Amino acid sequence: MYFNVHSPSSNESHSTTPGNPTEESVKKIFHYDQMIDQKTQELRETMEEIIEWCDKIEDHDVRAIINWHFLMGLTWKETARKMYSYYNSEACKQKFYRYVNHKPWD
């Protein structure tokens, strides 16, 4: 007795269409590469806008907080450690939010 063995497919049926799995994989990789390039470019443009905005801030502490927390991705505690040599994150948050909430925007 002999049984045909097929690789499983997503819809539990056997495909009769011949295809090249390597070619399909390369197409997917190329597609994802393009998506990553596009997202990277969008992030670069957003970062440039943030940096331009940040350069206009006169308060050096607020600029540093924005740099450490938002651009470098540190947590509020890590940012507080960089700014004030202690881990009280409330000090950094308050400084930033006071600036944002009380600054007249053009």
PDB file of N, CA and C in Angstrom:
ATOM      1  N   MET A   1       0.829  -1.176   0.000  1.00  0.00           N
ATOM      2  CA  MET A   1       0.000   0.000   0.000  1.00  0.00           C
ATOM      3  C   MET A   1       0.875   1.242   0.000  1.00  0.00           C
ATOM      4  N   TYR A   2       0.448   2.178  -0.804  1.00  0.00           N
ATOM      5  CA  TYR A   2       1.190   3.418  -0.944  1.00  0.00           C
ATOM      6  C   TYR A   2       0.236   4.586  -0.781  1.00  0.00           C
ATOM      7  N   PHE A   3       0.614   5.563   0.063  1.00  0.00           N
ATOM      8  CA  PHE A   3      -0.196   6.766   0.295  1.00  0.00           C
ATOM      9  C   PHE A   3       0.573   7.981  -0.174  1.00  0.00           C
ATOM     10  N   ASN A   4      -0.090   8.832  -0.950  1.00  0.00           N
ATOM     11  CA  ASN A   4       0.538  10.086  -1.353  1.00  0.00           C
ATOM     12  C   ASN A   4       0.691  10.992  -0.141  1.00  0.00           C
ATOM     13  N   VAL A   5       1.835  11.631  -0.011  1.00  0.00           N
ATOM     14  CA  VAL A   5       2.089  12.549   1.099  1.00  0.00           C
ATOM     15  C   VAL A   5       2.214  13.946   0.517  1.00  0.00           C
ATOM     16  N   HIS A   6       1.414  14.862   1.048  1.00  0.00           N
ATOM     17  CA  HIS A   6       1.443  16.252   0.613  1.00  0.00           C
ATOM     18  C   HIS A   6       1.809  17.136   1.794  1.00  0.00           C
ATOM     19  N   SER A   7       2.487  18.200   1.504  1.00  0.00           N
ATOM     20  CA  SER A   7       2.756  19.150   2.582  1.00  0.00           C
ATOM     21  C   SER A   7       1.461  19.879   2.918  1.00  0.00           C
ATOM     22  N   PRO A   8       1.271  20.194   4.189  1.00  0.00           N
ATOM     23  CA  PRO A   8       0.014  20.844   4.585  1.00  0.00           C
ATOM     24  C   PRO A   8      -0.083  22.254   4.016  1.00  0.00           C
ATOM     25  N   SER A   9      -1.288  22.634   3.688  1.00  0.00           N
ATOM     26  CA  SER A   9      -1.525  23.999   3.220  1.00  0.00           C
ATOM     27  C   SER A   9      -2.459  24.677   4.197  1.00  0.00           C
ATOM     28  N   SER A  10      -2.609  25.984   4.063  1.00  0.00           N
ATOM     29  CA  SER A  10      -3.396  26.738   5.030  1.00  0.00           C
ATOM     30  C   SER A  10      -4.891  26.410   4.971  1.00  0.00           C
ATOM     31  N   ASN A  11      -5.388  26.000   3.826  1.00  0.00           N
ATOM     32  CA  ASN A  11      -6.822  25.734   3.721  1.00  0.00           C
ATOM     33  C   ASN A  11      -7.140  24.235   3.712  1.00  0.00           C
ATOM     34  N   GLU A  12      -6.191  23.429   4.095  1.00  0.00           N
ATOM     35  CA  GLU A  12      -6.366  21.984   4.217  1.00  0.00           C
ATOM     36  C   GLU A  12      -6.665  21.282   2.887  1.00  0.00           C
ATOM     37  N   SER A  13      -6.484  21.972   1.769  1.00  0.00           N
ATOM     38  CA  SER A  13      -6.677  21.318   0.479  1.00  0.00           C
ATOM     39  C   SER A  13      -5.330  21.227  -0.223  1.00  0.00           C
ATOM     40  N   HIS A  14      -5.262  20.404  -1.220  1.00  0.00           N
ATOM     41  CA  HIS A  14      -4.022  20.216  -1.961  1.00  0.00           C
ATOM     42  C   HIS A  14      -4.002  21.156  -3.153  1.00  0.00           C
ATOM     43  N   SER A  15      -2.907  21.858  -3.277  1.00  0.00           N
ATOM     44  CA  SER A  15      -2.792  22.811  -4.370  1.00  0.00           C
ATOM     45  C   SER A  15      -2.402  22.079  -5.645  1.00  0.00           C
ATOM     46  N   THR A  16      -3.065  22.429  -6.723  1.00  0.00           N
ATOM     47  CA  THR A  16      -2.713  21.847  -8.012  1.00  0.00           C
ATOM     48  C   THR A  16      -1.938  22.834  -8.869  1.00  0.00           C
ATOM     49  N   THR A  17      -1.789  24.071  -8.367  1.00  0.00           N
ATOM     50  CA  THR A  17      -1.062  25.094  -9.106  1.00  0.00           C
ATOM     51  C   THR A  17       0.421  24.984  -8.777  1.00  0.00           C
ATOM     52  N   PRO A  18       1.236  24.757  -9.810  1.00  0.00           N
ATOM     53  CA  PRO A  18       2.670  24.696  -9.540  1.00  0.00           C
ATOM     54  C   PRO A  18       3.183  26.096  -9.189  1.00  0.00           C
ATOM     55  N   GLY A  19       4.155  26.153  -8.333  1.00  0.00           N
ATOM     56  CA  GLY A  19       4.719  27.440  -7.946  1.00  0.00           C
ATOM     57  C   GLY A  19       6.134  27.267  -7.459  1.00  0.00           C
ATOM     58  N   ASN A  20       6.793  28.379  -7.340  1.00  0.00           N
ATOM     59  CA  ASN A  20       8.166  28.378  -6.883  1.00  0.00           C
ATOM     60  C   ASN A  20       8.192  29.037  -5.499  1.00  0.00           C
ATOM     61  N   PRO A  21       8.320  28.238  -4.445  1.00  0.00           N
ATOM     62  CA  PRO A  21       8.288  28.825  -3.105  1.00  0.00           C
ATOM     63  C   PRO A  21       9.439  29.793  -2.851  1.00  0.00           C
ATOM     64  N   THR A  22      10.574  29.570  -3.465  1.00  0.00           N
ATOM     65  CA  THR A  22      11.712  30.478  -3.291  1.00  0.00           C
ATOM     66  C   THR A  22      11.392  31.832  -3.896  1.00  0.00           C
ATOM     67  N   GLU A  23      10.812  31.837  -5.074  1.00  0.00           N
ATOM     68  CA  GLU A  23      10.453  33.094  -5.731  1.00  0.00           C
ATOM     69  C   GLU A  23       9.428  33.864  -4.908  1.00  0.00           C
ATOM     70  N   GLU A  24       8.443  33.152  -4.377  1.00  0.00           N
ATOM     71  CA  GLU A  24       7.427  33.797  -3.538  1.00  0.00           C
ATOM     72  C   GLU A  24       8.055  34.391  -2.286  1.00  0.00           C
ATOM     73  N   SER A  25       8.981  33.673  -1.688  1.00  0.00           N
ATOM     74  CA  SER A  25       9.662  34.175  -0.492  1.00  0.00           C
ATOM     75  C   SER A  25      10.489  35.417  -0.802  1.00  0.00           C
ATOM     76  N   VAL A  26      11.168  35.408  -1.925  1.00  0.00           N
ATOM     77  CA  VAL A  26      11.972  36.569  -2.329  1.00  0.00           C
ATOM     78  C   VAL A  26      11.066  37.775  -2.561  1.00  0.00           C
ATOM     79  N   LYS A  27       9.899  37.557  -3.171  1.00  0.00           N
ATOM     80  CA  LYS A  27       8.950  38.651  -3.392  1.00  0.00           C
ATOM     81  C   LYS A  27       8.484  39.237  -2.062  1.00  0.00           C
ATOM     82  N   LYS A  28       8.191  38.370  -1.096  1.00  0.00           N
ATOM     83  CA  LYS A  28       7.762  38.839   0.215  1.00  0.00           C
ATOM     84  C   LYS A  28       8.866  39.620   0.907  1.00  0.00           C
ATOM     85  N   ILE A  29      10.087  39.098   0.840  1.00  0.00           N
ATOM     86  CA  ILE A  29      11.225  39.794   1.458  1.00  0.00           C
ATOM     87  C   ILE A  29      11.412  41.157   0.815  1.00  0.00           C
ATOM     88  N   PHE A  30      11.329  41.229  -0.509  1.00  0.00           N
ATOM     89  CA  PHE A  30      11.474  42.495  -1.216  1.00  0.00           C
ATOM     90  C   PHE A  30      10.377  43.474  -0.785  1.00  0.00           C
ATOM     91  N   HIS A  31       9.151  42.977  -0.669  1.00  0.00           N
ATOM     92  CA  HIS A  31       8.024  43.809  -0.243  1.00  0.00           C
ATOM     93  C   HIS A  31       8.269  44.362   1.160  1.00  0.00           C
ATOM     94  N   TYR A  32       8.682  43.503   2.082  1.00  0.00           N
ATOM     95  CA  TYR A  32       8.932  43.951   3.449  1.00  0.00           C
ATOM     96  C   TYR A  32      10.126  44.899   3.522  1.00  0.00           C
ATOM     97  N   ASP A  33      11.137  44.668   2.693  1.00  0.00           N
ATOM     98  CA  ASP A  33      12.275  45.593   2.620  1.00  0.00           C
ATOM     99  C   ASP A  33      11.815  46.990   2.207  1.00  0.00           C
ATOM    100  N   GLN A  34      10.947  47.059   1.218  1.00  0.00           N
ATOM    101  CA  GLN A  34      10.420  48.346   0.774  1.00  0.00           C
ATOM    102  C   GLN A  34       9.612  49.023   1.879  1.00  0.00           C
ATOM    103  N   MET A  35       8.796  48.243   2.582  1.00  0.00           N
ATOM    104  CA  MET A  35       8.006  48.799   3.683  1.00  0.00           C
ATOM    105  C   MET A  35       8.920  49.350   4.783  1.00  0.00           C
ATOM    106  N   ILE A  36       9.957  48.604   5.120  1.00  0.00           N
ATOM    107  CA  ILE A  36      10.893  49.043   6.157  1.00  0.00           C
ATOM    108  C   ILE A  36      11.605  50.311   5.719  1.00  0.00           C
ATOM    109  N   ASP A  37      12.041  50.381   4.466  1.00  0.00           N
ATOM    110  CA  ASP A  37      12.695  51.587   3.954  1.00  0.00           C
ATOM    111  C   ASP A  37      11.772  52.799   4.035  1.00  0.00           C
ATOM    112  N   GLN A  38      10.502  52.603   3.676  1.00  0.00           N
ATOM    113  CA  GLN A  38       9.537  53.698   3.717  1.00  0.00           C
ATOM    114  C   GLN A  38       9.325  54.165   5.156  1.00  0.00           C
ATOM    115  N   LYS A  39       9.129  53.227   6.074  1.00  0.00           N
ATOM    116  CA  LYS A  39       8.920  53.583   7.484  1.00  0.00           C
ATOM    117  C   LYS A  39      10.159  54.260   8.069  1.00  0.00           C
ATOM    118  N   THR A  40      11.333  53.793   7.688  1.00  0.00           N
ATOM    119  CA  THR A  40      12.579  54.403   8.156  1.00  0.00           C
ATOM    120  C   THR A  40      12.673  55.845   7.688  1.00  0.00           C
ATOM    121  N   GLN A  41      12.334  56.095   6.437  1.00  0.00           N
ATOM    122  CA  GLN A  41      12.353  57.452   5.901  1.00  0.00           C
ATOM    123  C   GLN A  41      11.350  58.341   6.634  1.00  0.00           C
ATOM    124  N   GLU A  42      10.158  57.827   6.897  1.00  0.00           N
ATOM    125  CA  GLU A  42       9.148  58.596   7.631  1.00  0.00           C
ATOM    126  C   GLU A  42       9.640  58.929   9.038  1.00  0.00           C
ATOM    127  N   LEU A  43      10.269  57.967   9.695  1.00  0.00           N
ATOM    128  CA  LEU A  43      10.805  58.207  11.033  1.00  0.00           C
ATOM    129  C   LEU A  43      11.929  59.243  11.012  1.00  0.00           C
ATOM    130  N   ARG A  44      12.779  59.179   9.990  1.00  0.00           N
ATOM    131  CA  ARG A  44      13.853  60.173   9.842  1.00  0.00           C
ATOM    132  C   ARG A  44      13.275  61.585   9.721  1.00  0.00           C
ATOM    133  N   GLU A  45      12.248  61.716   8.889  1.00  0.00           N
ATOM    134  CA  GLU A  45      11.625  63.023   8.695  1.00  0.00           C
ATOM    135  C   GLU A  45      10.982  63.518   9.989  1.00  0.00           C
ATOM    136  N   THR A  46      10.315  62.624  10.713  1.00  0.00           N
ATOM    137  CA  THR A  46       9.701  62.993  11.981  1.00  0.00           C
ATOM    138  C   THR A  46      10.764  63.408  12.993  1.00  0.00           C
ATOM    139  N   MET A  47      11.859  62.672  13.059  1.00  0.00           N
ATOM    140  CA  MET A  47      12.950  63.016  13.979  1.00  0.00           C
ATOM    141  C   MET A  47      13.537  64.382  13.633  1.00  0.00           C
ATOM    142  N   GLU A  48      13.686  64.679  12.362  1.00  0.00           N
ATOM    143  CA  GLU A  48      14.212  65.982  11.952  1.00  0.00           C
ATOM    144  C   GLU A  48      13.275  67.110  12.385  1.00  0.00           C
ATOM    145  N   GLU A  49      11.965  66.880  12.264  1.00  0.00           N
ATOM    146  CA  GLU A  49      10.994  67.882  12.709  1.00  0.00           C
ATOM    147  C   GLU A  49      11.082  68.092  14.215  1.00  0.00           C
ATOM    148  N   ILE A  50      11.214  67.004  14.957  1.00  0.00           N
ATOM    149  CA  ILE A  50      11.320  67.109  16.417  1.00  0.00           C
ATOM    150  C   ILE A  50      12.592  67.843  16.812  1.00  0.00           C
ATOM    151  N   ILE A  51      13.681  67.525  16.152  1.00  0.00           N
ATOM    152  CA  ILE A  51      14.952  68.181  16.464  1.00  0.00           C
ATOM    153  C   ILE A  51      14.885  69.669  16.141  1.00  0.00           C
ATOM    154  N   GLU A  52      14.274  70.028  15.018  1.00  0.00           N
ATOM    155  CA  GLU A  52      14.099  71.451  14.677  1.00  0.00           C
ATOM    156  C   GLU A  52      13.280  72.165  15.744  1.00  0.00           C
ATOM    157  N   TRP A  53      12.177  71.532  16.170  1.00  0.00           N
ATOM    158  CA  TRP A  53      11.337  72.118  17.214  1.00  0.00           C
ATOM    159  C   TRP A  53      12.113  72.229  18.519  1.00  0.00           C
ATOM    160  N   CYS A  54      12.849  71.198  18.845  1.00  0.00           N
ATOM    161  CA  CYS A  54      13.601  71.152  20.101  1.00  0.00           C
ATOM    162  C   CYS A  54      14.701  72.223  20.128  1.00  0.00           C
ATOM    163  N   ASP A  55      15.314  72.490  18.994  1.00  0.00           N
ATOM    164  CA  ASP A  55      16.370  73.502  18.929  1.00  0.00           C
ATOM    165  C   ASP A  55      15.856  74.901  19.249  1.00  0.00           C
ATOM    166  N   LYS A  56      14.567  75.121  19.088  1.00  0.00           N
ATOM    167  CA  LYS A  56      13.977  76.437  19.362  1.00  0.00           C
ATOM    168  C   LYS A  56      13.656  76.636  20.840  1.00  0.00           C
ATOM    169  N   ILE A  57      13.731  75.574  21.635  1.00  0.00           N
ATOM    170  CA  ILE A  57      13.414  75.666  23.055  1.00  0.00           C
ATOM    171  C   ILE A  57      14.570  76.339  23.785  1.00  0.00           C
ATOM    172  N   GLU A  58      14.249  77.375  24.530  1.00  0.00           N
ATOM    173  CA  GLU A  58      15.289  78.132  25.222  1.00  0.00           C
ATOM    174  C   GLU A  58      15.755  77.458  26.509  1.00  0.00           C
ATOM    175  N   ASP A  59      14.868  76.736  27.171  1.00  0.00           N
ATOM    176  CA  ASP A  59      15.200  76.080  28.439  1.00  0.00           C
ATOM    177  C   ASP A  59      16.054  74.835  28.165  1.00  0.00           C
ATOM    178  N   HIS A  60      17.302  74.883  28.624  1.00  0.00           N
ATOM    179  CA  HIS A  60      18.236  73.788  28.362  1.00  0.00           C
ATOM    180  C   HIS A  60      17.792  72.476  29.022  1.00  0.00           C
ATOM    181  N   ASP A  61      17.203  72.572  30.207  1.00  0.00           N
ATOM    182  CA  ASP A  61      16.743  71.360  30.895  1.00  0.00           C
ATOM    183  C   ASP A  61      15.624  70.677  30.113  1.00  0.00           C
ATOM    184  N   VAL A  62      14.688  71.451  29.619  1.00  0.00           N
ATOM    185  CA  VAL A  62      13.576  70.879  28.852  1.00  0.00           C
ATOM    186  C   VAL A  62      14.113  70.238  27.569  1.00  0.00           C
ATOM    187  N   ARG A  63      15.053  70.913  26.930  1.00  0.00           N
ATOM    188  CA  ARG A  63      15.665  70.343  25.723  1.00  0.00           C
ATOM    189  C   ARG A  63      16.343  69.007  26.030  1.00  0.00           C
ATOM    190  N   ALA A  64      17.052  68.957  27.141  1.00  0.00           N
ATOM    191  CA  ALA A  64      17.740  67.719  27.524  1.00  0.00           C
ATOM    192  C   ALA A  64      16.733  66.618  27.855  1.00  0.00           C
ATOM    193  N   ILE A  65      15.659  66.980  28.550  1.00  0.00           N
ATOM    194  CA  ILE A  65      14.622  65.994  28.879  1.00  0.00           C
ATOM    195  C   ILE A  65      14.012  65.422  27.608  1.00  0.00           C
ATOM    196  N   ILE A  66      13.682  66.281  26.672  1.00  0.00           N
ATOM    197  CA  ILE A  66      13.115  65.820  25.397  1.00  0.00           C
ATOM    198  C   ILE A  66      14.107  64.907  24.687  1.00  0.00           C
ATOM    199  N   ASN A  67      15.365  65.291  24.669  1.00  0.00           N
ATOM    200  CA  ASN A  67      16.391  64.481  24.012  1.00  0.00           C
ATOM    201  C   ASN A  67      16.502  63.099  24.653  1.00  0.00           C
ATOM    202  N   TRP A  68      16.649  63.063  25.977  1.00  0.00           N
ATOM    203  CA  TRP A  68      16.832  61.780  26.658  1.00  0.00           C
ATOM    204  C   TRP A  68      15.577  60.906  26.583  1.00  0.00           C
ATOM    205  N   HIS A  69      14.430  61.510  26.875  1.00  0.00           N
ATOM    206  CA  HIS A  69      13.214  60.691  26.988  1.00  0.00           C
ATOM    207  C   HIS A  69      12.586  60.355  25.638  1.00  0.00           C
ATOM    208  N   PHE A  70      12.386  61.352  24.805  1.00  0.00           N
ATOM    209  CA  PHE A  70      11.644  61.132  23.564  1.00  0.00           C
ATOM    210  C   PHE A  70      12.530  60.706  22.396  1.00  0.00           C
ATOM    211  N   LEU A  71      13.711  61.285  22.280  1.00  0.00           N
ATOM    212  CA  LEU A  71      14.567  60.943  21.141  1.00  0.00           C
ATOM    213  C   LEU A  71      15.433  59.716  21.407  1.00  0.00           C
ATOM    214  N   MET A  72      15.938  59.592  22.638  1.00  0.00           N
ATOM    215  CA  MET A  72      16.799  58.450  22.965  1.00  0.00           C
ATOM    216  C   MET A  72      16.012  57.262  23.517  1.00  0.00           C
ATOM    217  N   GLY A  73      14.757  57.510  23.915  1.00  0.00           N
ATOM    218  CA  GLY A  73      13.900  56.417  24.352  1.00  0.00           C
ATOM    219  C   GLY A  73      14.095  55.960  25.784  1.00  0.00           C
ATOM    220  N   LEU A  74      14.717  56.792  26.619  1.00  0.00           N
ATOM    221  CA  LEU A  74      14.885  56.424  28.020  1.00  0.00           C
ATOM    222  C   LEU A  74      13.556  56.548  28.757  1.00  0.00           C
ATOM    223  N   THR A  75      13.409  55.773  29.820  1.00  0.00           N
ATOM    224  CA  THR A  75      12.218  55.901  30.651  1.00  0.00           C
ATOM    225  C   THR A  75      12.319  57.201  31.443  1.00  0.00           C
ATOM    226  N   TRP A  76      11.228  57.568  32.114  1.00  0.00           N
ATOM    227  CA  TRP A  76      11.276  58.785  32.931  1.00  0.00           C
ATOM    228  C   TRP A  76      12.288  58.646  34.059  1.00  0.00           C
ATOM    229  N   LYS A  77      12.390  57.461  34.645  1.00  0.00           N
ATOM    230  CA  LYS A  77      13.371  57.243  35.724  1.00  0.00           C
ATOM    231  C   LYS A  77      14.798  57.382  35.197  1.00  0.00           C
ATOM    232  N   GLU A  78      15.077  56.799  34.054  1.00  0.00           N
ATOM    233  CA  GLU A  78      16.415  56.902  33.462  1.00  0.00           C
ATOM    234  C   GLU A  78      16.733  58.345  33.087  1.00  0.00           C
ATOM    235  N   THR A  79      15.731  59.048  32.581  1.00  0.00           N
ATOM    236  CA  THR A  79      15.918  60.453  32.231  1.00  0.00           C
ATOM    237  C   THR A  79      16.225  61.266  33.485  1.00  0.00           C
ATOM    238  N   ALA A  80      15.500  61.009  34.570  1.00  0.00           N
ATOM    239  CA  ALA A  80      15.749  61.711  35.831  1.00  0.00           C
ATOM    240  C   ALA A  80      17.157  61.435  36.327  1.00  0.00           C
ATOM    241  N   ARG A  81      17.604  60.215  36.169  1.00  0.00           N
ATOM    242  CA  ARG A  81      18.966  59.861  36.593  1.00  0.00           C
ATOM    243  C   ARG A  81      19.998  60.640  35.789  1.00  0.00           C
ATOM    244  N   LYS A  82      19.780  60.772  34.493  1.00  0.00           N
ATOM    245  CA  LYS A  82      20.704  61.539  33.644  1.00  0.00           C
ATOM    246  C   LYS A  82      20.664  63.028  33.991  1.00  0.00           C
ATOM    247  N   MET A  83      19.464  63.529  34.265  1.00  0.00           N
ATOM    248  CA  MET A  83      19.292  64.966  34.506  1.00  0.00           C
ATOM    249  C   MET A  83      19.713  65.386  35.908  1.00  0.00           C
ATOM    250  N   TYR A  84      19.252  64.651  36.907  1.00  0.00           N
ATOM    251  CA  TYR A  84      19.377  65.107  38.284  1.00  0.00           C
ATOM    252  C   TYR A  84      20.146  64.150  39.186  1.00  0.00           C
ATOM    253  N   SER A  85      20.698  63.082  38.650  1.00  0.00           N
ATOM    254  CA  SER A  85      21.470  62.088  39.404  1.00  0.00           C
ATOM    255  C   SER A  85      20.644  61.337  40.443  1.00  0.00           C
ATOM    256  N   TYR A  86      19.351  61.289  40.278  1.00  0.00           N
ATOM    257  CA  TYR A  86      18.494  60.453  41.121  1.00  0.00           C
ATOM    258  C   TYR A  86      17.320  59.974  40.292  1.00  0.00           C
ATOM    259  N   TYR A  87      16.601  59.004  40.814  1.00  0.00           N
ATOM    260  CA  TYR A  87      15.581  58.320  40.029  1.00  0.00           C
ATOM    261  C   TYR A  87      14.166  58.857  40.207  1.00  0.00           C
ATOM    262  N   ASN A  88      13.990  60.066  40.722  1.00  0.00           N
ATOM    263  CA  ASN A  88      12.647  60.614  40.897  1.00  0.00           C
ATOM    264  C   ASN A  88      12.134  61.095  39.539  1.00  0.00           C
ATOM    265  N   SER A  89      11.349  60.251  38.906  1.00  0.00           N
ATOM    266  CA  SER A  89      10.880  60.564  37.555  1.00  0.00           C
ATOM    267  C   SER A  89       9.886  61.715  37.543  1.00  0.00           C
ATOM    268  N   GLU A  90       9.238  61.982  38.658  1.00  0.00           N
ATOM    269  CA  GLU A  90       8.243  63.058  38.708  1.00  0.00           C
ATOM    270  C   GLU A  90       8.867  64.420  38.417  1.00  0.00           C
ATOM    271  N   ALA A  91      10.085  64.635  38.819  1.00  0.00           N
ATOM    272  CA  ALA A  91      10.745  65.928  38.583  1.00  0.00           C
ATOM    273  C   ALA A  91      10.864  66.206  37.083  1.00  0.00           C
ATOM    274  N   CYS A  92      11.276  65.209  36.326  1.00  0.00           N
ATOM    275  CA  CYS A  92      11.405  65.381  34.869  1.00  0.00           C
ATOM    276  C   CYS A  92      10.044  65.557  34.212  1.00  0.00           C
ATOM    277  N   LYS A  93       9.101  64.734  34.611  1.00  0.00           N
ATOM    278  CA  LYS A  93       7.760  64.835  34.026  1.00  0.00           C
ATOM    279  C   LYS A  93       7.165  66.207  34.277  1.00  0.00           C
ATOM    280  N   GLN A  94       7.261  66.675  35.511  1.00  0.00           N
ATOM    281  CA  GLN A  94       6.685  67.977  35.859  1.00  0.00           C
ATOM    282  C   GLN A  94       7.346  69.094  35.073  1.00  0.00           C
ATOM    283  N   LYS A  95       8.664  69.047  34.970  1.00  0.00           N
ATOM    284  CA  LYS A  95       9.389  70.084  34.219  1.00  0.00           C
ATOM    285  C   LYS A  95       8.913  70.112  32.768  1.00  0.00           C
ATOM    286  N   PHE A  96       8.811  68.943  32.151  1.00  0.00           N
ATOM    287  CA  PHE A  96       8.384  68.864  30.755  1.00  0.00           C
ATOM    288  C   PHE A  96       6.936  69.306  30.583  1.00  0.00           C
ATOM    289  N   TYR A  97       6.027  68.752  31.388  1.00  0.00           N
ATOM    290  CA  TYR A  97       4.608  69.061  31.228  1.00  0.00           C
ATOM    291  C   TYR A  97       4.301  70.522  31.573  1.00  0.00           C
ATOM    292  N   ARG A  98       5.014  71.089  32.521  1.00  0.00           N
ATOM    293  CA  ARG A  98       4.830  72.522  32.800  1.00  0.00           C
ATOM    294  C   ARG A  98       5.231  73.351  31.590  1.00  0.00           C
ATOM    295  N   TYR A  99       6.334  72.973  30.971  1.00  0.00           N
ATOM    296  CA  TYR A  99       6.768  73.712  29.790  1.00  0.00           C
ATOM    297  C   TYR A  99       5.732  73.582  28.668  1.00  0.00           C
ATOM    298  N   VAL A 100       5.285  72.376  28.398  1.00  0.00           N
ATOM    299  CA  VAL A 100       4.331  72.145  27.304  1.00  0.00           C
ATOM    300  C   VAL A 100       2.988  72.803  27.584  1.00  0.00           C
ATOM    301  N   ASN A 101       2.508  72.733  28.806  1.00  0.00           N
ATOM    302  CA  ASN A 101       1.187  73.257  29.137  1.00  0.00           C
ATOM    303  C   ASN A 101       1.148  74.765  29.316  1.00  0.00           C
ATOM    304  N   HIS A 102       2.264  75.386  29.599  1.00  0.00           N
ATOM    305  CA  HIS A 102       2.273  76.827  29.854  1.00  0.00           C
ATOM    306  C   HIS A 102       2.995  77.627  28.783  1.00  0.00           C
ATOM    307  N   LYS A 103       3.459  76.992  27.768  1.00  0.00           N
ATOM    308  CA  LYS A 103       4.177  77.682  26.694  1.00  0.00           C
ATOM    309  C   LYS A 103       3.173  78.117  25.634  1.00  0.00           C
ATOM    310  N   PRO A 104       3.123  79.404  25.330  1.00  0.00           N
ATOM    311  CA  PRO A 104       2.235  79.833  24.220  1.00  0.00           C
ATOM    312  C   PRO A 104       2.808  79.366  22.888  1.00  0.00           C
ATOM    313  N   TRP A 105       1.989  78.661  22.119  1.00  0.00           N
ATOM    314  CA  TRP A 105       2.453  78.130  20.834  1.00  0.00           C
ATOM    315  C   TRP A 105       2.036  79.064  19.709  1.00  0.00           C
ATOM    316  N   ASP A 106       2.904  79.171  18.743  1.00  0.00           N
ATOM    317  CA  ASP A 106       2.634  80.026  17.574  1.00  0.00           C
ATOM    318  C   ASP A 106       1.762  79.317  16.575  1.00  0.00           C
TER     319      ASP A 106
END
